[in-house]
């Protein structure tokens, strides 16, 4: 397995975890009947969809272009991670 493939597998795994966590957060917010736009949950869900598209783009990228896609994907994952952390801290 080359670097690109290992990275893709890692990103697939992280995006699945984000999907589960964001769903749990959204469910808990609905249960509490809270709407906290400042937590940016919907924004994180949109970014997660963008990240899934980037993973697909990564698969189609060549040996020399996949690093650009990787950087974009890293940024998206970082942004999603920050939202998830903030939302989990709020829900504690």
PDB file of N, CA and C in Angstrom:
ATOM      1  N   UNK A   1       0.848  -1.177   0.000  1.00  0.00           N
ATOM      2  CA  UNK A   1       0.000   0.000   0.000  1.00  0.00           C
ATOM      3  C   UNK A   1       0.895   1.243   0.000  1.00  0.00           C
ATOM      4  N   UNK A   2       0.686   2.137  -0.966  1.00  0.00           N
ATOM      5  CA  UNK A   2       1.525   3.332  -1.041  1.00  0.00           C
ATOM      6  C   UNK A   2       0.985   4.434  -0.116  1.00  0.00           C
ATOM      7  N   UNK A   3       1.714   5.547  -0.030  1.00  0.00           N
ATOM      8  CA  UNK A   3       1.355   6.639   0.872  1.00  0.00           C
ATOM      9  C   UNK A   3      -0.043   7.183   0.593  1.00  0.00           C
ATOM     10  N   UNK A   4      -0.329   7.363  -0.681  1.00  0.00           N
ATOM     11  CA  UNK A   4      -1.636   7.917  -1.056  1.00  0.00           C
ATOM     12  C   UNK A   4      -2.761   6.993  -0.603  1.00  0.00           C
ATOM     13  N   UNK A   5      -2.597   5.717  -0.812  1.00  0.00           N
ATOM     14  CA  UNK A   5      -3.631   4.752  -0.417  1.00  0.00           C
ATOM     15  C   UNK A   5      -3.782   4.703   1.103  1.00  0.00           C
ATOM     16  N   UNK A   6      -2.679   4.724   1.828  1.00  0.00           N
ATOM     17  CA  UNK A   6      -2.739   4.741   3.296  1.00  0.00           C
ATOM     18  C   UNK A   6      -3.461   5.989   3.791  1.00  0.00           C
ATOM     19  N   UNK A   7      -3.147   7.118   3.174  1.00  0.00           N
ATOM     20  CA  UNK A   7      -3.778   8.376   3.553  1.00  0.00           C
ATOM     21  C   UNK A   7      -5.282   8.312   3.277  1.00  0.00           C
ATOM     22  N   UNK A   8      -5.664   7.763   2.119  1.00  0.00           N
ATOM     23  CA  UNK A   8      -7.083   7.663   1.765  1.00  0.00           C
ATOM     24  C   UNK A   8      -7.834   6.800   2.772  1.00  0.00           C
ATOM     25  N   UNK A   9      -7.243   5.689   3.160  1.00  0.00           N
ATOM     26  CA  UNK A   9      -7.862   4.803   4.147  1.00  0.00           C
ATOM     27  C   UNK A   9      -8.023   5.533   5.484  1.00  0.00           C
ATOM     28  N   UNK A  10      -6.996   6.267   5.883  1.00  0.00           N
ATOM     29  CA  UNK A  10      -7.048   7.036   7.129  1.00  0.00           C
ATOM     30  C   UNK A  10      -8.169   8.080   7.067  1.00  0.00           C
ATOM     31  N   UNK A  11      -8.270   8.781   5.941  1.00  0.00           N
ATOM     32  CA  UNK A  11      -9.304   9.804   5.800  1.00  0.00           C
ATOM     33  C   UNK A  11     -10.697   9.190   5.764  1.00  0.00           C
ATOM     34  N   UNK A  12     -10.851   8.074   5.099  1.00  0.00           N
ATOM     35  CA  UNK A  12     -12.148   7.383   5.097  1.00  0.00           C
ATOM     36  C   UNK A  12     -12.571   7.054   6.522  1.00  0.00           C
ATOM     37  N   UNK A  13     -11.647   6.551   7.302  1.00  0.00           N
ATOM     38  CA  UNK A  13     -11.921   6.187   8.686  1.00  0.00           C
ATOM     39  C   UNK A  13     -12.310   7.421   9.511  1.00  0.00           C
ATOM     40  N   UNK A  14     -11.564   8.498   9.358  1.00  0.00           N
ATOM     41  CA  UNK A  14     -11.864   9.725  10.110  1.00  0.00           C
ATOM     42  C   UNK A  14     -13.217  10.298   9.722  1.00  0.00           C
ATOM     43  N   UNK A  15     -13.541  10.259   8.435  1.00  0.00           N
ATOM     44  CA  UNK A  15     -14.817  10.802   7.983  1.00  0.00           C
ATOM     45  C   UNK A  15     -15.988   9.964   8.489  1.00  0.00           C
ATOM     46  N   UNK A  16     -15.808   8.658   8.578  1.00  0.00           N
ATOM     47  CA  UNK A  16     -16.852   7.802   9.148  1.00  0.00           C
ATOM     48  C   UNK A  16     -17.062   8.161  10.617  1.00  0.00           C
ATOM     49  N   UNK A  17     -15.971   8.349  11.344  1.00  0.00           N
ATOM     50  CA  UNK A  17     -16.058   8.722  12.764  1.00  0.00           C
ATOM     51  C   UNK A  17     -16.723  10.091  12.912  1.00  0.00           C
ATOM     52  N   UNK A  18     -16.332  11.051  12.067  1.00  0.00           N
ATOM     53  CA  UNK A  18     -16.971  12.369  12.105  1.00  0.00           C
ATOM     54  C   UNK A  18     -18.465  12.240  11.853  1.00  0.00           C
ATOM     55  N   UNK A  19     -18.843  11.421  10.878  1.00  0.00           N
ATOM     56  CA  UNK A  19     -20.253  11.243  10.543  1.00  0.00           C
ATOM     57  C   UNK A  19     -21.032  10.746  11.762  1.00  0.00           C
ATOM     58  N   UNK A  20     -20.489   9.754  12.431  1.00  0.00           N
ATOM     59  CA  UNK A  20     -21.147   9.206  13.614  1.00  0.00           C
ATOM     60  C   UNK A  20     -21.238  10.254  14.728  1.00  0.00           C
ATOM     61  N   UNK A  21     -20.154  10.951  14.968  1.00  0.00           N
ATOM     62  CA  UNK A  21     -20.114  11.936  16.044  1.00  0.00           C
ATOM     63  C   UNK A  21     -21.036  13.115  15.748  1.00  0.00           C
ATOM     64  N   UNK A  22     -21.007  13.613  14.520  1.00  0.00           N
ATOM     65  CA  UNK A  22     -21.886  14.729  14.160  1.00  0.00           C
ATOM     66  C   UNK A  22     -23.351  14.325  14.270  1.00  0.00           C
ATOM     67  N   UNK A  23     -23.660  13.096  13.894  1.00  0.00           N
ATOM     68  CA  UNK A  23     -25.038  12.609  14.034  1.00  0.00           C
ATOM     69  C   UNK A  23     -25.431  12.569  15.517  1.00  0.00           C
ATOM     70  N   UNK A  24     -24.545  12.084  16.372  1.00  0.00           N
ATOM     71  CA  UNK A  24     -24.818  12.038  17.809  1.00  0.00           C
ATOM     72  C   UNK A  24     -25.011  13.443  18.378  1.00  0.00           C
ATOM     73  N   UNK A  25     -24.181  14.381  17.955  1.00  0.00           N
ATOM     74  CA  UNK A  25     -24.286  15.760  18.428  1.00  0.00           C
ATOM     75  C   UNK A  25     -25.625  16.354  17.992  1.00  0.00           C
ATOM     76  N   UNK A  26     -25.950  16.188  16.734  1.00  0.00           N
ATOM     77  CA  UNK A  26     -27.199  16.738  16.198  1.00  0.00           C
ATOM     78  C   UNK A  26     -28.407  16.121  16.924  1.00  0.00           C
ATOM     79  N   UNK A  27     -28.365  14.821  17.165  1.00  0.00           N
ATOM     80  CA  UNK A  27     -29.444  14.142  17.880  1.00  0.00           C
ATOM     81  C   UNK A  27     -29.586  14.681  19.303  1.00  0.00           C
ATOM     82  N   UNK A  28     -28.456  14.875  19.969  1.00  0.00           N
ATOM     83  CA  UNK A  28     -28.483  15.407  21.335  1.00  0.00           C
ATOM     84  C   UNK A  28     -29.011  16.836  21.360  1.00  0.00           C
ATOM     85  N   UNK A  29     -28.619  17.638  20.393  1.00  0.00           N
ATOM     86  CA  UNK A  29     -29.117  19.017  20.326  1.00  0.00           C
ATOM     87  C   UNK A  29     -30.631  19.021  20.102  1.00  0.00           C
ATOM     88  N   UNK A  30     -31.111  18.133  19.255  1.00  0.00           N
ATOM     89  CA  UNK A  30     -32.559  18.031  19.017  1.00  0.00           C
ATOM     90  C   UNK A  30     -33.272  17.543  20.276  1.00  0.00           C
ATOM     91  N   UNK A  31     -32.681  16.598  20.965  1.00  0.00           N
ATOM     92  CA  UNK A  31     -33.271  16.083  22.203  1.00  0.00           C
ATOM     93  C   UNK A  31     -33.403  17.196  23.238  1.00  0.00           C
ATOM     94  N   UNK A  32     -32.386  18.046  23.302  1.00  0.00           N
ATOM     95  CA  UNK A  32     -32.400  19.167  24.247  1.00  0.00           C
ATOM     96  C   UNK A  32     -33.237  20.345  23.731  1.00  0.00           C
ATOM     97  N   UNK A  33     -33.693  20.211  22.501  1.00  0.00           N
ATOM     98  CA  UNK A  33     -34.442  21.288  21.844  1.00  0.00           C
ATOM     99  C   UNK A  33     -33.639  22.589  21.833  1.00  0.00           C
ATOM    100  N   UNK A  34     -32.368  22.451  21.509  1.00  0.00           N
ATOM    101  CA  UNK A  34     -31.462  23.586  21.447  1.00  0.00           C
ATOM    102  C   UNK A  34     -31.046  23.843  20.004  1.00  0.00           C
ATOM    103  N   UNK A  35     -30.940  25.096  19.691  1.00  0.00           N
ATOM    104  CA  UNK A  35     -30.414  25.497  18.386  1.00  0.00           C
ATOM    105  C   UNK A  35     -29.272  26.472  18.666  1.00  0.00           C
ATOM    106  N   UNK A  36     -28.067  26.007  18.464  1.00  0.00           N
ATOM    107  CA  UNK A  36     -26.887  26.823  18.758  1.00  0.00           C
ATOM    108  C   UNK A  36     -26.095  27.023  17.475  1.00  0.00           C
ATOM    109  N   UNK A  37     -26.502  28.006  16.650  1.00  0.00           N
ATOM    110  CA  UNK A  37     -25.801  28.207  15.371  1.00  0.00           C
ATOM    111  C   UNK A  37     -24.307  28.479  15.536  1.00  0.00           C
ATOM    112  N   UNK A  38     -23.917  29.045  16.674  1.00  0.00           N
ATOM    113  CA  UNK A  38     -22.501  29.347  16.888  1.00  0.00           C
ATOM    114  C   UNK A  38     -21.648  28.084  16.977  1.00  0.00           C
ATOM    115  N   UNK A  39     -22.279  26.935  17.199  1.00  0.00           N
ATOM    116  CA  UNK A  39     -21.525  25.679  17.216  1.00  0.00           C
ATOM    117  C   UNK A  39     -21.180  25.200  15.811  1.00  0.00           C
ATOM    118  N   UNK A  40     -21.884  25.715  14.809  1.00  0.00           N
ATOM    119  CA  UNK A  40     -21.589  25.474  13.391  1.00  0.00           C
ATOM    120  C   UNK A  40     -21.664  23.986  13.003  1.00  0.00           C
ATOM    121  N   UNK A  41     -22.611  23.271  13.581  1.00  0.00           N
ATOM    122  CA  UNK A  41     -22.771  21.850  13.269  1.00  0.00           C
ATOM    123  C   UNK A  41     -23.129  21.653  11.801  1.00  0.00           C
ATOM    124  N   UNK A  42     -24.092  22.446  11.317  1.00  0.00           N
ATOM    125  CA  UNK A  42     -24.489  22.305   9.910  1.00  0.00           C
ATOM    126  C   UNK A  42     -23.325  22.624   8.976  1.00  0.00           C
ATOM    127  N   UNK A  43     -22.514  23.592   9.360  1.00  0.00           N
ATOM    128  CA  UNK A  43     -21.328  23.934   8.576  1.00  0.00           C
ATOM    129  C   UNK A  43     -20.356  22.755   8.542  1.00  0.00           C
ATOM    130  N   UNK A  44     -20.188  22.095   9.676  1.00  0.00           N
ATOM    131  CA  UNK A  44     -19.287  20.927   9.741  1.00  0.00           C
ATOM    132  C   UNK A  44     -19.816  19.787   8.882  1.00  0.00           C
ATOM    133  N   UNK A  45     -21.130  19.618   8.853  1.00  0.00           N
ATOM    134  CA  UNK A  45     -21.725  18.557   8.024  1.00  0.00           C
ATOM    135  C   UNK A  45     -21.476  18.856   6.548  1.00  0.00           C
ATOM    136  N   UNK A  46     -21.622  20.117   6.149  1.00  0.00           N
ATOM    137  CA  UNK A  46     -21.325  20.498   4.756  1.00  0.00           C
ATOM    138  C   UNK A  46     -19.847  20.273   4.436  1.00  0.00           C
ATOM    139  N   UNK A  47     -18.984  20.635   5.360  1.00  0.00           N
ATOM    140  CA  UNK A  47     -17.544  20.438   5.142  1.00  0.00           C
ATOM    141  C   UNK A  47     -17.199  18.952   5.064  1.00  0.00           C
ATOM    142  N   UNK A  48     -17.936  18.150   5.807  1.00  0.00           N
ATOM    143  CA  UNK A  48     -17.706  16.717   5.740  1.00  0.00           C
ATOM    144  C   UNK A  48     -18.061  16.199   4.344  1.00  0.00           C
ATOM    145  N   UNK A  49     -19.140  16.702   3.777  1.00  0.00           N
ATOM    146  CA  UNK A  49     -19.508  16.309   2.408  1.00  0.00           C
ATOM    147  C   UNK A  49     -18.433  16.762   1.422  1.00  0.00           C
ATOM    148  N   UNK A  50     -17.907  17.969   1.635  1.00  0.00           N
ATOM    149  CA  UNK A  50     -16.803  18.450   0.792  1.00  0.00           C
ATOM    150  C   UNK A  50     -15.580  17.546   0.933  1.00  0.00           C
ATOM    151  N   UNK A  51     -15.316  17.116   2.161  1.00  0.00           N
ATOM    152  CA  UNK A  51     -14.166  16.248   2.413  1.00  0.00           C
ATOM    153  C   UNK A  51     -14.349  14.894   1.714  1.00  0.00           C
ATOM    154  N   UNK A  52     -15.575  14.381   1.720  1.00  0.00           N
ATOM    155  CA  UNK A  52     -15.836  13.112   1.012  1.00  0.00           C
ATOM    156  C   UNK A  52     -15.555  13.281  -0.477  1.00  0.00           C
ATOM    157  N   UNK A  53     -15.940  14.431  -1.026  1.00  0.00           N
ATOM    158  CA  UNK A  53     -15.663  14.696  -2.442  1.00  0.00           C
ATOM    159  C   UNK A  53     -14.161  14.779  -2.686  1.00  0.00           C
ATOM    160  N   UNK A  54     -13.438  15.370  -1.742  1.00  0.00           N
ATOM    161  CA  UNK A  54     -11.978  15.466  -1.874  1.00  0.00           C
ATOM    162  C   UNK A  54     -11.329  14.084  -1.826  1.00  0.00           C
ATOM    163  N   UNK A  55     -11.876  13.181  -1.022  1.00  0.00           N
ATOM    164  CA  UNK A  55     -11.346  11.816  -0.978  1.00  0.00           C
ATOM    165  C   UNK A  55     -11.524  11.164  -2.345  1.00  0.00           C
ATOM    166  N   UNK A  56     -12.682  11.379  -2.963  1.00  0.00           N
ATOM    167  CA  UNK A  56     -12.901  10.851  -4.314  1.00  0.00           C
ATOM    168  C   UNK A  56     -11.929  11.479  -5.313  1.00  0.00           C
ATOM    169  N   UNK A  57     -11.695  12.781  -5.162  1.00  0.00           N
ATOM    170  CA  UNK A  57     -10.733  13.478  -6.032  1.00  0.00           C
ATOM    171  C   UNK A  57      -9.325  12.929  -5.805  1.00  0.00           C
ATOM    172  N   UNK A  58      -9.022  12.618  -4.557  1.00  0.00           N
ATOM    173  CA  UNK A  58      -7.715  12.059  -4.214  1.00  0.00           C
ATOM    174  C   UNK A  58      -7.485  10.742  -4.958  1.00  0.00           C
ATOM    175  N   UNK A  59      -8.526   9.921  -5.017  1.00  0.00           N
ATOM    176  CA  UNK A  59      -8.404   8.639  -5.706  1.00  0.00           C
ATOM    177  C   UNK A  59      -8.078   8.819  -7.180  1.00  0.00           C
ATOM    178  N   UNK A  60      -8.609   9.894  -7.774  1.00  0.00           N
ATOM    179  CA  UNK A  60      -8.384  10.135  -9.202  1.00  0.00           C
ATOM    180  C   UNK A  60      -7.105  10.933  -9.480  1.00  0.00           C
ATOM    181  N   UNK A  61      -6.498  11.481  -8.434  1.00  0.00           N
ATOM    182  CA  UNK A  61      -5.321  12.329  -8.642  1.00  0.00           C
ATOM    183  C   UNK A  61      -4.096  11.488  -8.983  1.00  0.00           C
ATOM    184  N   UNK A  62      -3.191  12.125  -9.676  1.00  0.00           N
ATOM    185  CA  UNK A  62      -1.961  11.448 -10.075  1.00  0.00           C
ATOM    186  C   UNK A  62      -0.912  11.490  -8.985  1.00  0.00           C
ATOM    187  N   UNK A  63       0.186  10.864  -9.284  1.00  0.00           N
ATOM    188  CA  UNK A  63       1.289  10.759  -8.331  1.00  0.00           C
ATOM    189  C   UNK A  63       1.793  12.127  -7.873  1.00  0.00           C
ATOM    190  N   UNK A  64       1.787  13.101  -8.770  1.00  0.00           N
ATOM    191  CA  UNK A  64       2.366  14.408  -8.460  1.00  0.00           C
ATOM    192  C   UNK A  64       1.324  15.436  -8.023  1.00  0.00           C
ATOM    193  N   UNK A  65       0.048  15.159  -8.213  1.00  0.00           N
ATOM    194  CA  UNK A  65      -0.987  16.141  -7.857  1.00  0.00           C
ATOM    195  C   UNK A  65      -1.723  15.801  -6.573  1.00  0.00           C
ATOM    196  N   UNK A  66      -1.519  14.625  -6.026  1.00  0.00           N
ATOM    197  CA  UNK A  66      -2.303  14.246  -4.864  1.00  0.00           C
ATOM    198  C   UNK A  66      -1.931  15.048  -3.618  1.00  0.00           C
ATOM    199  N   UNK A  67      -0.727  15.598  -3.562  1.00  0.00           N
ATOM    200  CA  UNK A  67      -0.343  16.407  -2.396  1.00  0.00           C
ATOM    201  C   UNK A  67      -1.184  17.663  -2.259  1.00  0.00           C
ATOM    202  N   UNK A  68      -1.562  18.270  -3.381  1.00  0.00           N
ATOM    203  CA  UNK A  68      -2.430  19.453  -3.344  1.00  0.00           C
ATOM    204  C   UNK A  68      -3.793  19.075  -2.764  1.00  0.00           C
ATOM    205  N   UNK A  69      -4.341  17.980  -3.227  1.00  0.00           N
ATOM    206  CA  UNK A  69      -5.632  17.512  -2.721  1.00  0.00           C
ATOM    207  C   UNK A  69      -5.505  17.158  -1.238  1.00  0.00           C
ATOM    208  N   UNK A  70      -4.388  16.551  -0.859  1.00  0.00           N
ATOM    209  CA  UNK A  70      -4.145  16.185   0.536  1.00  0.00           C
ATOM    210  C   UNK A  70      -4.158  17.421   1.430  1.00  0.00           C
ATOM    211  N   UNK A  71      -3.509  18.493   1.004  1.00  0.00           N
ATOM    212  CA  UNK A  71      -3.487  19.723   1.798  1.00  0.00           C
ATOM    213  C   UNK A  71      -4.893  20.289   1.983  1.00  0.00           C
ATOM    214  N   UNK A  72      -5.679  20.291   0.914  1.00  0.00           N
ATOM    215  CA  UNK A  72      -7.055  20.783   0.996  1.00  0.00           C
ATOM    216  C   UNK A  72      -7.884  19.903   1.928  1.00  0.00           C
ATOM    217  N   UNK A  73      -7.695  18.621   1.831  1.00  0.00           N
ATOM    218  CA  UNK A  73      -8.421  17.677   2.674  1.00  0.00           C
ATOM    219  C   UNK A  73      -7.996  17.823   4.135  1.00  0.00           C
ATOM    220  N   UNK A  74      -6.712  18.004   4.375  1.00  0.00           N
ATOM    221  CA  UNK A  74      -6.219  18.224   5.736  1.00  0.00           C
ATOM    222  C   UNK A  74      -6.877  19.455   6.365  1.00  0.00           C
ATOM    223  N   UNK A  75      -7.009  20.529   5.585  1.00  0.00           N
ATOM    224  CA  UNK A  75      -7.649  21.750   6.086  1.00  0.00           C
ATOM    225  C   UNK A  75      -9.111  21.498   6.455  1.00  0.00           C
ATOM    226  N   UNK A  76      -9.823  20.810   5.576  1.00  0.00           N
ATOM    227  CA  UNK A  76     -11.230  20.507   5.854  1.00  0.00           C
ATOM    228  C   UNK A  76     -11.375  19.656   7.111  1.00  0.00           C
ATOM    229  N   UNK A  77     -10.556  18.637   7.236  1.00  0.00           N
ATOM    230  CA  UNK A  77     -10.633  17.744   8.393  1.00  0.00           C
ATOM    231  C   UNK A  77     -10.309  18.510   9.671  1.00  0.00           C
ATOM    232  N   UNK A  78      -9.345  19.389   9.606  1.00  0.00           N
ATOM    233  CA  UNK A  78      -8.994  20.199  10.779  1.00  0.00           C
ATOM    234  C   UNK A  78     -10.186  21.074  11.198  1.00  0.00           C
ATOM    235  N   UNK A  79     -10.842  21.716  10.232  1.00  0.00           N
ATOM    236  CA  UNK A  79     -11.992  22.565  10.525  1.00  0.00           C
ATOM    237  C   UNK A  79     -13.136  21.753  11.130  1.00  0.00           C
ATOM    238  N   UNK A  80     -13.392  20.582  10.591  1.00  0.00           N
ATOM    239  CA  UNK A  80     -14.449  19.715  11.133  1.00  0.00           C
ATOM    240  C   UNK A  80     -14.097  19.302  12.556  1.00  0.00           C
ATOM    241  N   UNK A  81     -12.857  18.936  12.765  1.00  0.00           N
ATOM    242  CA  UNK A  81     -12.391  18.506  14.081  1.00  0.00           C
ATOM    243  C   UNK A  81     -12.592  19.601  15.123  1.00  0.00           C
ATOM    244  N   UNK A  82     -12.308  20.838  14.752  1.00  0.00           N
ATOM    245  CA  UNK A  82     -12.483  21.956  15.687  1.00  0.00           C
ATOM    246  C   UNK A  82     -13.950  22.125  16.078  1.00  0.00           C
ATOM    247  N   UNK A  83     -14.853  22.014  15.122  1.00  0.00           N
ATOM    248  CA  UNK A  83     -16.282  22.129  15.401  1.00  0.00           C
ATOM    249  C   UNK A  83     -16.744  20.994  16.310  1.00  0.00           C
ATOM    250  N   UNK A  84     -16.309  19.794  15.992  1.00  0.00           N
ATOM    251  CA  UNK A  84     -16.689  18.630  16.799  1.00  0.00           C
ATOM    252  C   UNK A  84     -16.203  18.800  18.237  1.00  0.00           C
ATOM    253  N   UNK A  85     -14.976  19.206  18.421  1.00  0.00           N
ATOM    254  CA  UNK A  85     -14.426  19.402  19.773  1.00  0.00           C
ATOM    255  C   UNK A  85     -15.228  20.444  20.543  1.00  0.00           C
ATOM    256  N   UNK A  86     -15.534  21.566  19.888  1.00  0.00           N
ATOM    257  CA  UNK A  86     -16.293  22.635  20.552  1.00  0.00           C
ATOM    258  C   UNK A  86     -17.695  22.156  20.924  1.00  0.00           C
ATOM    259  N   UNK A  87     -18.347  21.436  20.028  1.00  0.00           N
ATOM    260  CA  UNK A  87     -19.699  20.951  20.299  1.00  0.00           C
ATOM    261  C   UNK A  87     -19.699  19.929  21.425  1.00  0.00           C
ATOM    262  N   UNK A  88     -18.727  19.034  21.431  1.00  0.00           N
ATOM    263  CA  UNK A  88     -18.643  18.036  22.496  1.00  0.00           C
ATOM    264  C   UNK A  88     -18.373  18.703  23.846  1.00  0.00           C
ATOM    265  N   UNK A  89     -17.535  19.719  23.850  1.00  0.00           N
ATOM    266  CA  UNK A  89     -17.254  20.450  25.086  1.00  0.00           C
ATOM    267  C   UNK A  89     -18.522  21.149  25.578  1.00  0.00           C
ATOM    268  N   UNK A  90     -19.295  21.712  24.686  1.00  0.00           N
ATOM    269  CA  UNK A  90     -20.543  22.381  25.062  1.00  0.00           C
ATOM    270  C   UNK A  90     -21.539  21.376  25.643  1.00  0.00           C
ATOM    271  N   UNK A  91     -21.614  20.200  25.056  1.00  0.00           N
ATOM    272  CA  UNK A  91     -22.620  19.217  25.484  1.00  0.00           C
ATOM    273  C   UNK A  91     -22.278  18.516  26.807  1.00  0.00           C
ATOM    274  N   UNK A  92     -21.066  18.658  27.262  1.00  0.00           N
ATOM    275  CA  UNK A  92     -20.675  17.992  28.535  1.00  0.00           C
ATOM    276  C   UNK A  92     -21.383  18.586  29.705  1.00  0.00           C
TER     277      UNK A  92
END
